[in-house]
Amino acid sequence: MSNLGSGLVKQEWDFSKLHKFEKNFYREHPNVISRSMIEVEEYRKFHDMKVFGRDIPKPVETFEEANFPAYVLKEVLDLGFKAPTPIQSQGWPMALSGRDVVGIAETGSGKTLAYCLPAIVHINAQPFLEPGDGPIVLILAPTRELAVQIQQECTKFGKSSKIKNTCVYGGVPKGPQSRELSQGVEICIATPGRLIDMLESRRTNLRRVTYLVLDEADRMLDMGFEPQIRKIVDQIRPDRQTLMWSATWPKEVKKLAEDYLHDFIQVNIGSLDLSASHNITQIVEVCAEYEKRTKLVKHLERIMDQKDNKTLIFTGTKRTADEITKYLRQDGWPALAIHGDKAQSERDWVLSEFRSGKSPIMVATDVASRGIDVKDVKLVINYDFPTNVEDYVHRIGRTGRGGAKGSAITFFTMDNAKQAKDLVNILREANQEVDPKLADLAKIAAANVNSGRGRYGSRYGSNSSRARW
C-alpha cells in the first residue's frame, strides 16, 4: 500500500487556462428570508445545531425552502419524506452556496442526501462530458459497502437528469469498472485504493472534478487512507468545491480539512464529544468468555419471537464470525456472516438476504460497523467488545436509525477492562443503566492506571477461564 500512487504526478495548475465553472446555486426562499435571526437561533438550538464560519446561510425547514429545481424536488417528495433532517436543513444551503463545507453528524442522520442532491444540481450546471473526460463529482468513501450505498442514492435521485455514475472499489474485477469510467460518468463513487489504481492505469482522470466529497472522513483516516486521499486530492483542481462529512471531529480530520478546504463553513449536529444515540437502549453484561454463547442464544430466542427481529452480531475477528455463524446455523438459526475475506458477490448476497429479512441474523466484523444502511435493525449484539469505544458507538449506531428505537447488548469480559471507564461515560451520557459490575471494573481499571499495575483479578472471568471451542 505504501507504493500506491507512486506513479501519479502532482499536478501544476495554471488558473489562466482552467475553464470557469459555476458552483453557487443557492437562492434563498422568501420564507427563509423573512425568518428572524432569533427564530433561526431557536431552530438551531432545538436541533442541537452549531455553525462555524462567516456568512453562513440560514437553515431551511422544508424541502420547498431549499429551492431545489423541480426535477430534484419531485424525486424527494415522491419518496414521501416529511421534512429535512437537521444536517440536511443546514447542509443543503451551505452546499448549494458553492462554499467548502464540513458537516459533523452521527451515522444515519441523512448526510448522504445532504451532499447528493446539491451534487446533482452542480452537475446539471456544467458543460456536458466530452470523450476522454473524467467525472465532474468525485465521492470518496472508506468501504465498499458505503460506496455501494451512496451509489444507490445517486442513481435514485439522478435518474430524472440522466446522470450516469459508477462505483469503483477493490475486491472485484477491474474490467467492468474500467469500461464504465471510459464511457464517461458524471459521478464516481470510489474507495481510495482502487481509484488510485484506475488513475495510474490511465482508466480515468480527475481534470473535470469540480465537486469533491470526502464521506466518513474519520473512518478513512482510521483505516490508514490519509496518504491515498492526499495523492488523489492533488490530482484535482484547487478551485473545486470540497465537502467533508464525518461522524466525529478528531484532530486528524480537522488537519485534513485545514489542508484541503478553503475558508470553509461548518455545521455540527449534536455534541462533538463522543456519544451514542439516545434512541438506543444499551445493555452491558459483564461475563466470562465461556458464557457468551449461552447468553447469545438466550437473547436470540427472545428477539426472534418478535415481528421486527433483524439482529446484527459483531465479533472481533473473521474467524470468530465464521465460528459463531456455523454454531448458530447448526442449531437452526437463520444466520449469515459478512467480513473482509468474503468475496464481494457473497457480501452483496448476504446483505441482500439480511435487508429482505430472509436471513434476519447477520454476523459481522467491523467491516459492517459503518456504511451499511439497513434502517430496520432492531438489535445489535457485541459478542466481542471492540478495541475502542469509538467503534462501539459506530457499531450500535446500526440500530436506532432515522429516529427509530433500537437496542444494543454488549458482552464485556476482563479482557476489555481497560475500556470500562470510557464505556461507563458513554452509558451515563445517554442516561442508561450501568451494571454495578461494570462500574467496579471502571474503578479498578482507573486505580490500576494510577498505581501502574497492569493486571486485574479474576472476579468476572479471565483468559484462564476460557473454554476451548
Protein backbone atom coordinates (compact mmCIF):
# COMPACT_ATOMS: atom_id res chain seq x y z
CA MET A 1 0.00 0.00 0.00
CA SER A 2 2.93 2.35 0.68
CA ASN A 3 3.80 2.46 -3.05
CA LEU A 4 0.21 3.02 -4.12
CA GLY A 5 0.04 6.21 -6.14
CA SER A 6 3.80 6.46 -6.70
CA GLY A 7 3.13 6.66 -10.44
CA LEU A 8 0.92 9.73 -10.11
CA VAL A 9 2.43 13.08 -10.99
CA LYS A 10 1.41 16.01 -8.81
CA GLN A 11 -0.46 18.50 -10.98
CA GLU A 12 0.65 22.08 -11.52
CA TRP A 13 -2.39 24.27 -12.09
CA ASP A 14 -2.40 27.33 -14.32
CA PHE A 15 -5.60 29.18 -13.37
CA SER A 16 -5.45 31.23 -16.57
CA LYS A 17 -6.01 28.03 -18.57
CA LEU A 18 -8.67 26.46 -16.38
CA HIS A 19 -12.26 26.69 -17.58
CA LYS A 20 -14.51 28.77 -15.36
CA PHE A 21 -17.36 26.88 -13.73
CA GLU A 22 -20.46 27.72 -11.72
CA LYS A 23 -20.84 26.45 -8.17
CA ASN A 24 -23.16 28.89 -6.35
CA PHE A 25 -26.75 27.84 -6.95
CA TYR A 26 -28.42 28.86 -3.72
CA ARG A 27 -31.34 31.28 -3.90
CA GLU A 28 -32.90 31.97 -0.52
CA HIS A 29 -36.61 31.18 -0.33
CA PRO A 30 -38.90 34.07 0.74
CA ASN A 31 -39.92 32.12 3.85
CA VAL A 32 -36.27 31.82 4.87
CA ILE A 33 -35.57 35.49 4.12
CA SER A 34 -38.44 36.56 6.39
CA ARG A 35 -37.22 34.43 9.31
CA SER A 36 -35.53 36.50 12.02
CA MET A 37 -32.14 35.51 13.45
CA ILE A 38 -33.86 34.91 16.78
CA GLU A 39 -36.08 32.29 15.09
CA VAL A 40 -33.06 30.81 13.34
CA GLU A 41 -31.12 30.51 16.60
CA GLU A 42 -34.12 28.88 18.30
CA TYR A 43 -34.35 26.35 15.45
CA ARG A 44 -30.64 25.59 15.68
CA LYS A 45 -30.80 25.25 19.46
CA PHE A 46 -33.80 22.91 19.27
CA HIS A 47 -31.90 20.62 16.87
CA ASP A 48 -28.61 20.87 18.82
CA MET A 49 -27.01 22.54 15.80
CA LYS A 50 -23.84 24.63 15.93
CA VAL A 51 -22.34 26.51 12.99
CA PHE A 52 -18.88 27.99 12.47
CA GLY A 53 -17.54 30.33 9.80
CA ARG A 54 -18.51 33.53 8.06
CA ASP A 55 -21.75 34.33 6.19
CA ILE A 56 -23.44 31.02 6.89
CA PRO A 57 -26.87 30.75 5.23
CA LYS A 58 -29.94 30.19 7.38
CA PRO A 59 -31.24 26.62 7.66
CA VAL A 60 -34.30 25.56 5.69
CA GLU A 61 -37.24 23.89 7.41
CA THR A 62 -38.99 22.28 4.42
CA PHE A 63 -37.90 20.70 1.16
CA GLU A 64 -39.54 23.52 -0.79
CA GLU A 65 -37.45 26.12 1.08
CA ALA A 66 -34.24 24.50 -0.17
CA ASN A 67 -35.18 25.90 -3.61
CA PHE A 68 -34.09 22.76 -5.44
CA PRO A 69 -35.02 22.64 -9.11
CA ALA A 70 -38.39 20.99 -9.76
CA TYR A 71 -36.80 17.77 -11.08
CA VAL A 72 -34.89 17.26 -7.81
CA LEU A 73 -37.78 18.29 -5.56
CA LYS A 74 -40.13 15.84 -7.28
CA GLU A 75 -37.77 12.92 -6.61
CA VAL A 76 -37.67 13.82 -2.90
CA LEU A 77 -41.41 14.34 -2.49
CA ASP A 78 -42.24 11.15 -4.39
CA LEU A 79 -40.42 9.17 -1.69
CA GLY A 80 -42.73 10.55 0.98
CA PHE A 81 -40.14 12.28 3.17
CA LYS A 82 -41.87 14.66 5.58
CA ALA A 83 -39.09 17.14 6.40
CA PRO A 84 -35.31 17.53 6.09
CA THR A 85 -33.15 16.06 8.83
CA PRO A 86 -31.13 18.64 10.80
CA ILE A 87 -27.92 18.00 8.83
CA GLN A 88 -29.88 18.43 5.58
CA SER A 89 -31.72 21.57 6.68
CA GLN A 90 -28.43 23.38 7.33
CA GLY A 91 -26.19 21.42 4.96
CA TRP A 92 -28.20 22.00 1.79
CA PRO A 93 -27.97 25.81 1.81
CA MET A 94 -24.28 25.55 2.68
CA ALA A 95 -23.51 23.07 -0.11
CA LEU A 96 -25.66 24.83 -2.73
CA SER A 97 -23.88 28.12 -2.00
CA GLY A 98 -20.69 26.73 -3.51
CA ARG A 99 -18.69 27.07 -0.29
CA ASP A 100 -16.37 24.43 1.12
CA VAL A 101 -18.31 22.62 3.85
CA VAL A 102 -17.60 20.46 6.89
CA GLY A 103 -20.60 18.54 8.25
CA ILE A 104 -20.39 16.59 11.51
CA ALA A 105 -23.34 14.39 12.45
CA GLU A 106 -23.91 10.90 13.75
CA THR A 107 -24.21 7.93 11.42
CA GLY A 108 -27.72 7.55 9.97
CA SER A 109 -28.54 11.26 10.17
CA GLY A 110 -29.02 11.83 6.43
CA LYS A 111 -25.55 13.07 5.41
CA THR A 112 -25.65 11.23 2.07
CA LEU A 113 -28.60 13.24 0.74
CA ALA A 114 -27.04 16.38 2.23
CA TYR A 115 -24.36 16.23 -0.47
CA CYS A 116 -26.00 14.09 -3.20
CA LEU A 117 -28.81 16.49 -4.10
CA PRO A 118 -26.52 19.57 -4.37
CA ALA A 119 -24.16 17.41 -6.45
CA ILE A 120 -26.93 16.76 -8.99
CA VAL A 121 -27.66 20.50 -9.23
CA HIS A 122 -23.93 21.15 -9.65
CA ILE A 123 -23.58 18.62 -12.48
CA ASN A 124 -26.55 19.97 -14.43
CA ALA A 125 -24.96 23.43 -14.48
CA GLN A 126 -21.69 22.20 -16.04
CA PRO A 127 -20.89 21.56 -19.71
CA PHE A 128 -21.61 18.05 -20.96
CA LEU A 129 -18.87 15.45 -20.74
CA GLU A 130 -16.69 15.02 -23.81
CA PRO A 131 -14.76 11.88 -24.85
CA GLY A 132 -11.82 11.36 -22.51
CA ASP A 133 -13.32 13.39 -19.68
CA GLY A 134 -13.34 12.05 -16.16
CA PRO A 135 -16.15 12.62 -13.65
CA ILE A 136 -17.49 16.00 -12.50
CA VAL A 137 -18.32 14.76 -8.99
CA LEU A 138 -15.98 12.53 -7.00
CA ILE A 139 -17.15 10.93 -3.76
CA LEU A 140 -14.54 9.12 -1.67
CA ALA A 141 -15.72 6.55 0.87
CA PRO A 142 -13.86 4.17 3.20
CA THR A 143 -15.58 0.87 2.41
CA ARG A 144 -17.15 -0.99 -0.48
CA GLU A 145 -20.44 -1.24 1.39
CA LEU A 146 -20.71 2.50 1.95
CA ALA A 147 -19.69 3.22 -1.65
CA VAL A 148 -22.46 0.93 -2.96
CA GLN A 149 -24.98 2.55 -0.61
CA ILE A 150 -24.02 6.02 -1.89
CA GLN A 151 -24.34 4.82 -5.48
CA GLN A 152 -27.90 3.69 -4.81
CA GLU A 153 -28.83 7.19 -3.64
CA CYS A 154 -27.08 8.83 -6.61
CA THR A 155 -28.90 6.50 -9.02
CA LYS A 156 -32.27 7.13 -7.37
CA PHE A 157 -32.05 10.92 -7.46
CA GLY A 158 -30.03 11.32 -10.64
CA LYS A 159 -32.24 9.30 -12.98
CA SER A 160 -34.50 12.23 -13.91
CA SER A 161 -31.43 14.13 -15.15
CA LYS A 162 -29.95 11.07 -16.88
CA ILE A 163 -26.82 11.46 -14.73
CA LYS A 164 -24.54 8.43 -15.02
CA ASN A 165 -22.49 7.11 -12.13
CA THR A 166 -20.14 4.27 -11.34
CA CYS A 167 -18.83 2.70 -8.16
CA VAL A 168 -15.11 1.90 -8.02
CA TYR A 169 -13.84 -0.39 -5.27
CA GLY A 170 -11.48 -3.31 -4.75
CA GLY A 171 -12.19 -7.00 -4.35
CA VAL A 172 -13.88 -7.38 -7.74
CA PRO A 173 -12.57 -7.48 -11.35
CA LYS A 174 -11.46 -4.11 -12.72
CA GLY A 175 -12.86 -4.64 -16.23
CA PRO A 176 -16.48 -3.54 -15.77
CA GLN A 177 -15.44 -0.53 -13.66
CA SER A 178 -12.83 0.48 -16.24
CA ARG A 179 -15.37 0.29 -19.06
CA GLU A 180 -17.88 2.46 -17.23
CA LEU A 181 -15.20 5.06 -16.48
CA SER A 182 -14.03 5.02 -20.12
CA GLN A 183 -17.60 5.51 -21.39
CA GLY A 184 -17.95 8.63 -19.24
CA VAL A 185 -19.75 9.12 -15.92
CA GLU A 186 -20.70 12.34 -14.19
CA ILE A 187 -20.37 10.82 -10.70
CA CYS A 188 -17.64 8.49 -9.49
CA ILE A 189 -18.02 6.94 -6.04
CA ALA A 190 -14.77 5.28 -5.02
CA THR A 191 -12.65 3.78 -2.30
CA PRO A 192 -9.17 5.38 -2.37
CA GLY A 193 -7.07 2.33 -3.27
CA ARG A 194 -9.00 1.22 -6.35
CA LEU A 195 -9.36 4.81 -7.60
CA ILE A 196 -5.59 5.34 -7.48
CA ASP A 197 -5.19 2.08 -9.39
CA MET A 198 -7.54 3.41 -12.08
CA LEU A 199 -5.70 6.74 -12.23
CA GLU A 200 -2.28 5.12 -12.53
CA SER A 201 -3.51 2.84 -15.32
CA ARG A 202 -4.98 5.90 -17.13
CA ARG A 203 -8.52 4.48 -16.98
CA THR A 204 -9.78 7.87 -15.86
CA ASN A 205 -8.60 11.30 -14.79
CA LEU A 206 -9.82 13.96 -12.37
CA ARG A 207 -9.36 17.06 -14.54
CA ARG A 208 -13.11 17.71 -14.70
CA VAL A 209 -13.79 17.23 -10.97
CA THR A 210 -15.25 20.42 -9.51
CA TYR A 211 -17.27 18.88 -6.66
CA LEU A 212 -15.31 16.67 -4.24
CA VAL A 213 -16.87 14.80 -1.32
CA LEU A 214 -14.95 13.07 1.47
CA ASP A 215 -17.53 10.89 3.24
CA GLU A 216 -16.89 9.24 6.62
CA ALA A 217 -13.59 11.12 6.73
CA ASP A 218 -12.82 9.92 10.25
CA ARG A 219 -13.22 6.29 9.21
CA MET A 220 -10.97 6.76 6.15
CA LEU A 221 -8.23 8.14 8.39
CA ASP A 222 -8.77 5.34 10.93
CA MET A 223 -8.21 2.85 8.10
CA GLY A 224 -4.92 4.49 7.09
CA PHE A 225 -6.12 6.09 3.85
CA GLU A 226 -4.68 9.55 4.52
CA PRO A 227 -1.68 9.19 2.12
CA GLN A 228 -4.01 7.93 -0.63
CA ILE A 229 -6.53 10.73 -0.03
CA ARG A 230 -3.78 13.33 -0.32
CA LYS A 231 -2.47 11.82 -3.56
CA ILE A 232 -5.97 11.83 -5.04
CA VAL A 233 -6.81 15.39 -3.99
CA ASP A 234 -3.54 16.62 -5.54
CA GLN A 235 -4.95 15.46 -8.90
CA ILE A 236 -7.98 17.78 -8.61
CA ARG A 237 -8.10 21.48 -9.48
CA PRO A 238 -7.72 23.59 -6.33
CA ASP A 239 -10.71 25.86 -7.04
CA ARG A 240 -13.10 22.92 -6.75
CA GLN A 241 -15.85 22.81 -4.12
CA THR A 242 -14.93 20.38 -1.34
CA LEU A 243 -17.30 18.89 1.20
CA MET A 244 -16.13 16.79 4.13
CA TRP A 245 -18.58 14.71 6.15
CA SER A 246 -17.78 12.86 9.34
CA ALA A 247 -19.38 11.38 12.44
CA THR A 248 -16.59 12.70 14.69
CA TRP A 249 -14.16 15.62 14.61
CA PRO A 250 -10.75 14.37 15.81
CA LYS A 251 -7.61 16.42 15.27
CA GLU A 252 -6.59 14.30 12.25
CA VAL A 253 -9.83 15.12 10.41
CA LYS A 254 -9.51 18.78 11.40
CA LYS A 255 -5.97 18.87 9.96
CA LEU A 256 -7.14 17.34 6.67
CA ALA A 257 -9.91 19.95 6.45
CA GLU A 258 -7.49 22.79 7.11
CA ASP A 259 -5.15 21.50 4.40
CA TYR A 260 -7.70 20.93 1.64
CA LEU A 261 -10.72 23.13 2.35
CA HIS A 262 -10.61 26.89 1.85
CA ASP A 263 -12.49 29.34 4.07
CA PHE A 264 -14.85 26.50 4.95
CA ILE A 265 -18.09 26.74 6.86
CA GLN A 266 -19.04 24.05 9.34
CA VAL A 267 -22.16 22.58 10.90
CA ASN A 268 -22.17 20.19 13.87
CA ILE A 269 -25.29 18.29 14.84
CA GLY A 270 -25.06 17.22 18.47
CA SER A 271 -22.04 17.33 20.73
CA LEU A 272 -18.52 16.87 19.39
CA ASP A 273 -17.88 14.68 22.41
CA LEU A 274 -18.27 11.01 21.56
CA SER A 275 -21.80 9.92 22.41
CA ALA A 276 -24.31 7.26 21.45
CA SER A 277 -27.80 7.87 20.09
CA HIS A 278 -30.35 8.30 22.87
CA ASN A 279 -32.79 6.24 20.78
CA ILE A 280 -30.79 3.11 21.61
CA THR A 281 -31.31 1.12 24.81
CA GLN A 282 -27.83 -0.06 25.81
CA ILE A 283 -27.35 -3.15 27.99
CA VAL A 284 -23.86 -4.26 29.02
CA GLU A 285 -23.46 -7.73 30.52
CA VAL A 286 -20.20 -8.42 32.36
CA CYS A 287 -19.37 -12.09 31.87
CA ALA A 288 -16.68 -14.68 31.24
CA GLU A 289 -15.70 -15.68 27.72
CA TYR A 290 -17.23 -19.16 28.04
CA GLU A 291 -20.63 -17.67 28.95
CA LYS A 292 -21.07 -15.73 25.71
CA ARG A 293 -22.62 -18.44 23.55
CA THR A 294 -25.29 -19.28 26.12
CA LYS A 295 -26.13 -15.60 26.54
CA LEU A 296 -26.22 -15.10 22.78
CA VAL A 297 -28.77 -17.88 22.25
CA LYS A 298 -30.90 -16.57 25.14
CA HIS A 299 -31.16 -13.13 23.51
CA LEU A 300 -31.82 -14.60 20.05
CA GLU A 301 -34.66 -16.73 21.43
CA ARG A 302 -36.28 -13.56 22.76
CA ILE A 303 -35.80 -11.33 19.70
CA MET A 304 -36.73 -13.99 17.11
CA ASP A 305 -40.16 -14.35 18.72
CA GLN A 306 -40.88 -10.74 17.79
CA LYS A 307 -42.20 -9.43 14.48
CA ASP A 308 -39.31 -6.98 13.99
CA ASN A 309 -36.26 -9.08 14.68
CA LYS A 310 -33.31 -8.12 12.48
CA THR A 311 -30.21 -8.70 14.59
CA LEU A 312 -26.63 -7.72 13.84
CA ILE A 313 -23.92 -9.56 15.80
CA PHE A 314 -20.42 -8.08 15.90
CA THR A 315 -17.31 -10.17 16.51
CA GLY A 316 -13.69 -9.15 16.92
CA THR A 317 -12.24 -11.44 14.25
CA LYS A 318 -13.23 -13.06 10.98
CA ARG A 319 -12.56 -16.48 12.50
CA THR A 320 -14.98 -15.85 15.36
CA ALA A 321 -17.60 -14.57 12.92
CA ASP A 322 -17.40 -17.82 10.93
CA GLU A 323 -17.38 -19.97 14.09
CA ILE A 324 -20.43 -18.23 15.58
CA THR A 325 -22.31 -18.41 12.27
CA LYS A 326 -21.57 -22.14 11.93
CA TYR A 327 -22.63 -22.72 15.56
CA LEU A 328 -25.90 -20.86 15.08
CA ARG A 329 -26.77 -22.49 11.75
CA GLN A 330 -26.11 -25.97 13.16
CA ASP A 331 -28.64 -25.09 15.87
CA GLY A 332 -31.19 -23.99 13.27
CA TRP A 333 -30.77 -20.21 13.47
CA PRO A 334 -31.01 -18.27 10.13
CA ALA A 335 -27.56 -16.65 10.37
CA LEU A 336 -25.13 -15.49 7.69
CA ALA A 337 -21.68 -13.89 8.03
CA ILE A 338 -20.02 -10.92 6.36
CA HIS A 339 -16.36 -9.94 6.67
CA GLY A 340 -13.32 -8.90 4.65
CA ASP A 341 -12.35 -12.40 3.47
CA LYS A 342 -15.72 -12.94 1.80
CA ALA A 343 -15.91 -12.34 -1.95
CA GLN A 344 -17.77 -9.18 -2.90
CA SER A 345 -20.51 -11.19 -4.60
CA GLU A 346 -21.08 -13.15 -1.38
CA ARG A 347 -21.06 -9.98 0.74
CA ASP A 348 -23.65 -8.42 -1.56
CA TRP A 349 -25.82 -11.55 -1.35
CA VAL A 350 -25.58 -11.70 2.47
CA LEU A 351 -26.55 -8.03 2.72
CA SER A 352 -29.48 -8.60 0.37
CA GLU A 353 -30.70 -11.57 2.43
CA PHE A 354 -30.39 -9.52 5.63
CA ARG A 355 -32.12 -6.46 4.21
CA SER A 356 -35.02 -8.51 2.88
CA GLY A 357 -35.42 -10.34 6.19
CA LYS A 358 -34.87 -13.77 4.64
CA SER A 359 -31.90 -14.13 6.98
CA PRO A 360 -32.67 -11.89 9.99
CA ILE A 361 -29.35 -12.61 11.74
CA MET A 362 -26.10 -11.27 10.33
CA VAL A 363 -22.74 -11.86 11.98
CA ALA A 364 -20.11 -9.30 11.05
CA THR A 365 -16.71 -7.89 11.80
CA ASP A 366 -16.18 -4.13 11.88
CA VAL A 367 -16.38 -4.03 8.07
CA ALA A 368 -20.11 -3.59 8.74
CA SER A 369 -19.92 -1.09 11.59
CA ARG A 370 -20.19 1.88 9.24
CA GLY A 371 -21.73 2.49 5.87
CA ILE A 372 -24.30 -0.30 5.89
CA ASP A 373 -27.69 1.34 5.85
CA VAL A 374 -30.28 -1.19 6.98
CA LYS A 375 -32.92 1.02 8.55
CA ASP A 376 -34.85 -1.63 10.49
CA VAL A 377 -32.14 -3.34 12.55
CA LYS A 378 -33.78 -3.87 15.95
CA LEU A 379 -30.90 -5.35 17.92
CA VAL A 380 -27.12 -5.11 17.86
CA ILE A 381 -25.16 -7.66 19.88
CA ASN A 382 -21.50 -7.01 20.58
CA TYR A 383 -20.33 -10.59 21.01
CA ASP A 384 -16.80 -9.22 21.31
CA PHE A 385 -16.21 -5.71 22.58
CA PRO A 386 -14.21 -3.63 20.06
CA THR A 387 -10.75 -2.24 20.74
CA ASN A 388 -12.08 1.26 21.46
CA VAL A 389 -15.34 2.97 22.42
CA GLU A 390 -15.45 4.91 19.13
CA ASP A 391 -16.04 1.63 17.30
CA TYR A 392 -18.57 0.65 19.97
CA VAL A 393 -20.59 3.79 19.23
CA HIS A 394 -20.44 3.19 15.48
CA ARG A 395 -21.44 -0.46 15.88
CA ILE A 396 -24.51 0.19 17.99
CA GLY A 397 -25.39 3.05 15.61
CA ARG A 398 -26.57 0.37 13.15
CA THR A 399 -29.83 0.38 15.13
CA GLY A 400 -31.98 3.30 16.23
CA ARG A 401 -31.56 4.97 12.84
CA GLY A 402 -33.76 7.72 11.41
CA GLY A 403 -35.45 8.38 14.75
CA ALA A 404 -36.46 4.73 15.31
CA LYS A 405 -35.88 2.92 18.60
CA GLY A 406 -33.30 0.17 18.92
CA SER A 407 -31.42 -1.96 21.43
CA ALA A 408 -27.79 -2.97 21.87
CA ILE A 409 -26.47 -5.78 24.08
CA THR A 410 -22.77 -6.00 24.80
CA PHE A 411 -20.79 -8.85 26.34
CA PHE A 412 -17.93 -7.36 28.38
CA THR A 413 -15.11 -9.50 29.78
CA MET A 414 -11.98 -8.90 31.84
CA ASP A 415 -10.04 -8.65 28.58
CA ASN A 416 -11.96 -5.43 27.91
CA ALA A 417 -11.44 -3.90 31.37
CA LYS A 418 -9.29 -1.04 30.09
CA GLN A 419 -12.31 0.21 28.12
CA ALA A 420 -14.65 0.15 31.14
CA LYS A 421 -14.26 3.78 32.17
CA ASP A 422 -14.91 5.15 28.66
CA LEU A 423 -17.87 2.80 28.21
CA VAL A 424 -19.40 3.92 31.51
CA ASN A 425 -19.10 7.54 30.33
CA ILE A 426 -20.95 6.69 27.10
CA LEU A 427 -23.71 4.94 29.01
CA ARG A 428 -24.16 7.73 31.54
CA GLU A 429 -24.26 10.43 28.85
CA ALA A 430 -27.13 8.53 27.20
CA ASN A 431 -28.94 8.09 30.56
CA GLN A 432 -28.51 4.31 30.50
CA GLU A 433 -28.30 1.98 33.48
CA VAL A 434 -24.75 0.96 34.41
CA ASP A 435 -24.21 -2.60 35.62
CA PRO A 436 -22.56 -2.38 39.10
CA LYS A 437 -20.00 -4.96 37.92
CA LEU A 438 -19.04 -2.66 35.03
CA ALA A 439 -18.79 0.33 37.38
CA ASP A 440 -16.50 -1.74 39.62
CA LEU A 441 -14.31 -2.64 36.65
CA ALA A 442 -14.05 1.03 35.70
CA LYS A 443 -12.88 1.88 39.24
CA ILE A 444 -10.38 -1.00 39.28
CA ALA A 445 -9.03 0.00 35.87
CA ALA A 446 -8.61 3.62 36.97
CA ALA A 447 -6.89 2.54 40.19
CA ASN A 448 -4.50 0.24 38.30
CA VAL A 449 -3.64 3.02 35.85
CA ASN A 450 -2.90 5.37 38.73
CA SER A 451 -0.78 2.76 40.54
CA GLY A 452 0.95 1.48 37.42
CA ARG A 453 -0.46 -2.04 37.85
CA GLY A 454 -1.43 -3.85 34.69
CA ARG A 455 -3.19 -6.97 35.98
CA TYR A 456 -6.77 -7.49 37.02
CA GLY A 457 -8.32 -10.05 39.36
CA SER A 458 -10.46 -12.93 38.15
CA ARG A 459 -13.72 -11.91 39.78
CA TYR A 460 -15.57 -11.56 36.45
CA GLY A 461 -13.66 -14.07 34.34
CA SER A 462 -10.26 -14.01 32.65
CA ASN A 463 -8.27 -15.70 29.92
CA SER A 464 -7.70 -18.68 32.20
CA SER A 465 -11.43 -19.36 32.30
CA ARG A 466 -11.91 -19.61 28.54
CA ALA A 467 -13.43 -22.78 27.22
CA ARG A 468 -11.77 -24.28 24.17
CA TRP A 469 -14.22 -24.42 21.27
